[in-house]
Amino acid sequence: MVRAIQEVEPTCFEQAVGNLKWDNAMDEEMATLDANATWELVVLPKDKKTIGCKWVYKVKHNINGFMNRYKTRLVAKGYAQTYGIDYEETYSPLTKMVIVRTIIVMATTKRWSLHQMDVKNVFLHGDL
């Protein structure tokens, strides 16, 4: 089997902009964010500061190692926040591996079938 040539992933917007494949991926991400109404422009209160954002780029491959698609995410620079000033509490709604393993063991024992899926921008639909 011949593996695909690894494409270099941009590390910043300046490296990606102008490349049709990455431009299309960024347009798709922005269209999804807009369609899901995940943001709106507001007036910033005088005593608050903005949190910047950054594009993250990833080339996704299929099971055979061939390039599947170009994926981008627009993420907030949460690391720029200061505890006690910008936020008081944090939450991480992630599943621990021990839970995943427990579910797999239960499914095997009870002869359940398991399915895996990915939903684009699903994390953006939760109440904050």
Protein backbone atom coordinates (compact mmCIF):
# COMPACT_ATOMS: atom_id res chain seq x y z
CA MET A 1 0.00 0.00 0.00
CA VAL A 2 1.30 3.45 -0.89
CA ARG A 3 0.82 6.07 1.81
CA ALA A 4 -0.15 9.62 0.95
CA ILE A 5 2.39 12.42 1.09
CA GLN A 6 2.03 14.28 4.37
CA GLU A 7 0.83 17.83 3.77
CA VAL A 8 2.28 20.53 6.01
CA GLU A 9 -0.30 22.03 8.36
CA PRO A 10 -0.13 25.81 8.77
CA THR A 11 0.66 27.07 12.27
CA CYS A 12 -0.86 30.52 11.77
CA PHE A 13 -3.41 32.37 9.67
CA GLU A 14 -0.73 34.05 7.55
CA GLN A 15 0.58 30.66 6.40
CA ALA A 16 -2.91 29.41 5.44
CA VAL A 17 -4.55 32.44 3.87
CA GLY A 18 -4.36 32.44 0.09
CA ASN A 19 -4.25 28.63 -0.12
CA LEU A 20 -7.58 27.65 -1.72
CA LYS A 21 -7.91 24.43 0.31
CA TRP A 22 -7.39 26.18 3.66
CA ASP A 23 -9.47 29.20 2.59
CA ASN A 24 -12.38 26.85 1.80
CA ALA A 25 -11.97 25.07 5.14
CA MET A 26 -11.99 28.40 7.01
CA ASP A 27 -15.06 29.54 5.03
CA GLU A 28 -16.82 26.28 5.96
CA GLU A 29 -16.00 26.77 9.65
CA MET A 30 -17.26 30.36 9.61
CA ALA A 31 -20.44 29.32 7.76
CA THR A 32 -21.08 26.62 10.37
CA LEU A 33 -20.51 29.04 13.25
CA ASP A 34 -22.87 31.53 11.59
CA ALA A 35 -25.54 28.91 10.77
CA ASN A 36 -25.54 27.72 14.39
CA ALA A 37 -25.74 31.31 15.68
CA THR A 38 -22.80 30.66 18.00
CA TRP A 39 -21.67 34.29 18.14
CA GLU A 40 -22.91 37.83 17.81
CA LEU A 41 -21.29 41.24 17.75
CA VAL A 42 -21.85 43.23 20.95
CA VAL A 43 -20.58 46.41 22.51
CA LEU A 44 -17.71 45.64 24.88
CA PRO A 45 -18.30 47.04 28.39
CA LYS A 46 -15.67 49.59 29.43
CA ASP A 47 -14.35 47.46 32.32
CA LYS A 48 -13.88 44.31 30.19
CA LYS A 49 -11.19 43.20 27.76
CA THR A 50 -11.56 41.02 24.71
CA ILE A 51 -10.22 37.50 24.36
CA GLY A 52 -8.48 36.93 21.06
CA CYS A 53 -8.96 33.97 18.78
CA LYS A 54 -6.74 31.77 16.66
CA TRP A 55 -7.20 29.44 13.71
CA VAL A 56 -6.10 25.82 14.22
CA TYR A 57 -5.40 23.74 11.11
CA LYS A 58 -5.41 19.96 10.74
CA VAL A 59 -5.20 17.63 7.74
CA LYS A 60 -7.48 14.67 8.46
CA HIS A 61 -6.61 11.26 7.04
CA ASN A 62 -8.76 8.22 6.41
CA ILE A 63 -8.02 4.75 7.79
CA ASN A 64 -5.66 4.01 4.86
CA GLY A 65 -3.55 7.07 5.63
CA PHE A 66 -4.72 9.10 2.66
CA MET A 67 -5.75 12.72 3.05
CA ASN A 68 -9.48 12.93 3.76
CA ARG A 69 -10.13 16.63 4.31
CA TYR A 70 -8.79 19.94 5.55
CA LYS A 71 -10.20 20.84 8.94
CA THR A 72 -10.01 24.20 10.67
CA ARG A 73 -11.29 25.47 13.99
CA LEU A 74 -11.55 29.03 15.24
CA VAL A 75 -10.70 28.84 18.93
CA ALA A 76 -10.64 31.39 21.74
CA LYS A 77 -7.29 32.10 23.39
CA GLY A 78 -8.51 31.10 26.82
CA TYR A 79 -4.95 30.92 28.08
CA ALA A 80 -4.89 34.74 27.98
CA GLN A 81 -7.46 34.92 30.79
CA THR A 82 -6.54 35.48 34.44
CA TYR A 83 -8.21 33.50 37.22
CA GLY A 84 -10.23 35.74 39.50
CA ILE A 85 -10.33 38.54 36.94
CA ASP A 86 -11.72 37.00 33.77
CA TYR A 87 -13.26 33.88 35.29
CA GLU A 88 -13.94 32.12 38.59
CA GLU A 89 -14.80 28.56 37.58
CA THR A 90 -13.77 26.15 34.83
CA TYR A 91 -15.41 23.03 33.47
CA SER A 92 -14.10 20.36 31.16
CA PRO A 93 -16.94 18.27 29.72
CA LEU A 94 -14.72 15.41 28.54
CA THR A 95 -15.06 11.69 28.99
CA LYS A 96 -12.27 9.98 30.89
CA MET A 97 -10.71 6.86 29.35
CA VAL A 98 -11.78 4.76 32.34
CA ILE A 99 -15.41 5.49 31.43
CA VAL A 100 -14.82 4.57 27.78
CA ARG A 101 -13.18 1.30 28.81
CA THR A 102 -16.04 0.54 31.21
CA ILE A 103 -18.60 1.05 28.44
CA ILE A 104 -16.62 -1.22 26.10
CA VAL A 105 -16.45 -3.94 28.76
CA MET A 106 -20.20 -3.63 29.45
CA ALA A 107 -20.99 -3.75 25.73
CA THR A 108 -18.81 -6.82 25.25
CA THR A 109 -20.30 -8.60 28.26
CA LYS A 110 -23.87 -7.83 27.25
CA ARG A 111 -23.22 -8.32 23.52
CA TRP A 112 -24.24 -4.77 22.67
CA SER A 113 -23.12 -3.22 19.41
CA LEU A 114 -21.12 0.00 19.62
CA HIS A 115 -21.03 2.82 17.10
CA GLN A 116 -18.76 5.83 16.82
CA MET A 117 -19.60 9.18 15.27
CA ASP A 118 -18.41 12.75 15.08
CA VAL A 119 -20.68 15.79 15.06
CA LYS A 120 -19.28 19.06 13.74
CA ASN A 121 -19.37 21.85 16.30
CA VAL A 122 -21.50 19.85 18.73
CA PHE A 123 -19.76 21.45 21.72
CA LEU A 124 -21.08 24.83 20.63
CA HIS A 125 -24.71 23.91 21.25
CA GLY A 126 -24.52 23.51 25.02
CA ASP A 127 -25.72 26.10 27.49
CA LEU A 128 -22.89 27.99 29.15
